[in-house]
Amino acid sequence: MQRFFALASASGVHVMEIVKGSPAALGGLRVGDRIVEVDGIAVDSVDGLQRTLDASRIDKTVKIAVLRGTQKIDVDVTPVEQAG
């Protein structure tokens, strides 16, 4: 998969839950997707994903590359400030 999709890393972040009405849900992410890039930056862990989606990207649309089954697709998500 890494070679086929020319990914920088063989890992990613597996999406285990999507909150209804959340930016992820509105952007089209699905349970079972594996996030591999955000705006072209490889994601290899939850911490890496959180660092990439830092405050500078709040309210700005980002392109998230995911592996869904045997396809690599891009979804656009607009992160928002989390309450609490």
C-alpha atoms as a PDB file:
ATOM      1  CA  MET A   1       0.000   0.000   0.000  1.00  0.00           C
ATOM      2  CA  GLN A   2       2.807   2.391   0.891  1.00  0.00           C
ATOM      3  CA  ARG A   3       4.537   1.907  -2.469  1.00  0.00           C
ATOM      4  CA  PHE A   4       1.317   1.754  -4.478  1.00  0.00           C
ATOM      5  CA  PHE A   5       0.085   5.124  -3.147  1.00  0.00           C
ATOM      6  CA  ALA A   6       3.607   6.634  -2.862  1.00  0.00           C
ATOM      7  CA  LEU A   7       3.092   7.329   0.847  1.00  0.00           C
ATOM      8  CA  ALA A   8       5.884   8.714   3.004  1.00  0.00           C
ATOM      9  CA  SER A   9       4.973   6.332   5.818  1.00  0.00           C
ATOM     10  CA  ALA A  10       3.371   2.900   6.053  1.00  0.00           C
ATOM     11  CA  SER A  11       1.358   3.995   9.073  1.00  0.00           C
ATOM     12  CA  GLY A  12      -1.410   6.479   9.656  1.00  0.00           C
ATOM     13  CA  VAL A  13      -4.239   7.173  12.066  1.00  0.00           C
ATOM     14  CA  HIS A  14      -7.169   4.774  12.021  1.00  0.00           C
ATOM     15  CA  VAL A  15     -10.549   6.517  12.419  1.00  0.00           C
ATOM     16  CA  MET A  16     -12.493   4.604  15.059  1.00  0.00           C
ATOM     17  CA  GLU A  17     -15.375   7.004  15.678  1.00  0.00           C
ATOM     18  CA  ILE A  18     -16.992   9.995  13.988  1.00  0.00           C
ATOM     19  CA  VAL A  19     -19.132  12.377  16.022  1.00  0.00           C
ATOM     20  CA  LYS A  20     -22.325  13.321  14.197  1.00  0.00           C
ATOM     21  CA  GLY A  21     -22.172  16.956  13.031  1.00  0.00           C
ATOM     22  CA  SER A  22     -18.424  17.246  13.714  1.00  0.00           C
ATOM     23  CA  PRO A  23     -16.001  18.753  11.189  1.00  0.00           C
ATOM     24  CA  ALA A  24     -14.821  15.205  10.396  1.00  0.00           C
ATOM     25  CA  ALA A  25     -18.381  14.060   9.680  1.00  0.00           C
ATOM     26  CA  LEU A  26     -19.178  17.154   7.638  1.00  0.00           C
ATOM     27  CA  GLY A  27     -15.969  16.670   5.645  1.00  0.00           C
ATOM     28  CA  GLY A  28     -16.840  13.101   4.752  1.00  0.00           C
ATOM     29  CA  LEU A  29     -14.475  11.098   6.942  1.00  0.00           C
ATOM     30  CA  ARG A  30     -15.772   7.612   7.803  1.00  0.00           C
ATOM     31  CA  VAL A  31     -15.143   5.049  10.509  1.00  0.00           C
ATOM     32  CA  GLY A  32     -12.469   2.725   9.168  1.00  0.00           C
ATOM     33  CA  ASP A  33     -10.613   5.396   7.171  1.00  0.00           C
ATOM     34  CA  ARG A  34      -6.881   5.658   7.776  1.00  0.00           C
ATOM     35  CA  ILE A  35      -5.612   9.261   7.761  1.00  0.00           C
ATOM     36  CA  VAL A  36      -2.202   9.331   6.083  1.00  0.00           C
ATOM     37  CA  GLU A  37      -1.657  13.029   5.228  1.00  0.00           C
ATOM     38  CA  VAL A  38      -2.893  16.488   6.134  1.00  0.00           C
ATOM     39  CA  ASP A  39      -2.143  19.157   3.515  1.00  0.00           C
ATOM     40  CA  GLY A  40       0.586  16.900   2.115  1.00  0.00           C
ATOM     41  CA  ILE A  41       2.240  16.315   5.521  1.00  0.00           C
ATOM     42  CA  ALA A  42       2.557  12.626   6.431  1.00  0.00           C
ATOM     43  CA  VAL A  43       0.691  11.574   9.568  1.00  0.00           C
ATOM     44  CA  ASP A  44       2.053   8.594  11.489  1.00  0.00           C
ATOM     45  CA  SER A  45       0.394   8.877  14.914  1.00  0.00           C
ATOM     46  CA  VAL A  46      -2.438  10.556  16.811  1.00  0.00           C
ATOM     47  CA  ASP A  47       0.100  12.967  18.323  1.00  0.00           C
ATOM     48  CA  GLY A  48       1.417  13.780  14.857  1.00  0.00           C
ATOM     49  CA  LEU A  49      -2.125  14.396  13.628  1.00  0.00           C
ATOM     50  CA  GLN A  50      -2.837  16.742  16.540  1.00  0.00           C
ATOM     51  CA  ARG A  51       0.442  18.620  15.975  1.00  0.00           C
ATOM     52  CA  THR A  52      -0.378  18.998  12.284  1.00  0.00           C
ATOM     53  CA  LEU A  53      -3.890  20.241  13.076  1.00  0.00           C
ATOM     54  CA  ASP A  54      -2.601  22.921  15.433  1.00  0.00           C
ATOM     55  CA  ALA A  55      -4.291  26.244  16.151  1.00  0.00           C
ATOM     56  CA  SER A  56      -3.012  27.769  12.897  1.00  0.00           C
ATOM     57  CA  ARG A  57      -5.444  25.575  10.941  1.00  0.00           C
ATOM     58  CA  ILE A  58      -8.566  26.396  13.001  1.00  0.00           C
ATOM     59  CA  ASP A  59     -11.367  27.589  10.690  1.00  0.00           C
ATOM     60  CA  LYS A  60      -9.206  26.918   7.591  1.00  0.00           C
ATOM     61  CA  THR A  61     -10.021  24.052   5.247  1.00  0.00           C
ATOM     62  CA  VAL A  62      -7.376  21.326   5.125  1.00  0.00           C
ATOM     63  CA  LYS A  63      -7.038  18.475   2.645  1.00  0.00           C
ATOM     64  CA  ILE A  64      -6.901  15.140   4.420  1.00  0.00           C
ATOM     65  CA  ALA A  65      -5.697  12.103   2.477  1.00  0.00           C
ATOM     66  CA  VAL A  66      -7.209   8.842   3.687  1.00  0.00           C
ATOM     67  CA  LEU A  67      -7.004   5.222   2.694  1.00  0.00           C
ATOM     68  CA  ARG A  68     -10.519   3.842   2.376  1.00  0.00           C
ATOM     69  CA  GLY A  69     -10.426   0.190   1.517  1.00  0.00           C
ATOM     70  CA  THR A  70      -8.114  -0.006  -1.481  1.00  0.00           C
ATOM     71  CA  GLN A  71      -8.537   3.633  -2.520  1.00  0.00           C
ATOM     72  CA  LYS A  72      -6.685   6.762  -1.531  1.00  0.00           C
ATOM     73  CA  ILE A  73      -9.059   9.722  -1.436  1.00  0.00           C
ATOM     74  CA  ASP A  74      -8.879  13.344  -0.323  1.00  0.00           C
ATOM     75  CA  VAL A  75     -11.514  14.965   1.865  1.00  0.00           C
ATOM     76  CA  ASP A  76     -11.720  18.615   2.852  1.00  0.00           C
ATOM     77  CA  VAL A  77     -12.221  19.275   6.560  1.00  0.00           C
ATOM     78  CA  THR A  78     -12.436  22.611   8.378  1.00  0.00           C
ATOM     79  CA  PRO A  79     -11.200  22.172  11.983  1.00  0.00           C
ATOM     80  CA  VAL A  80     -12.944  24.223  14.679  1.00  0.00           C
ATOM     81  CA  GLU A  81     -11.964  25.173  18.221  1.00  0.00           C
ATOM     82  CA  GLN A  82     -12.953  22.488  20.703  1.00  0.00           C
ATOM     83  CA  ALA A  83     -15.072  23.549  23.654  1.00  0.00           C
ATOM     84  CA  GLY A  84     -13.661  22.922  27.107  1.00  0.00           C
END
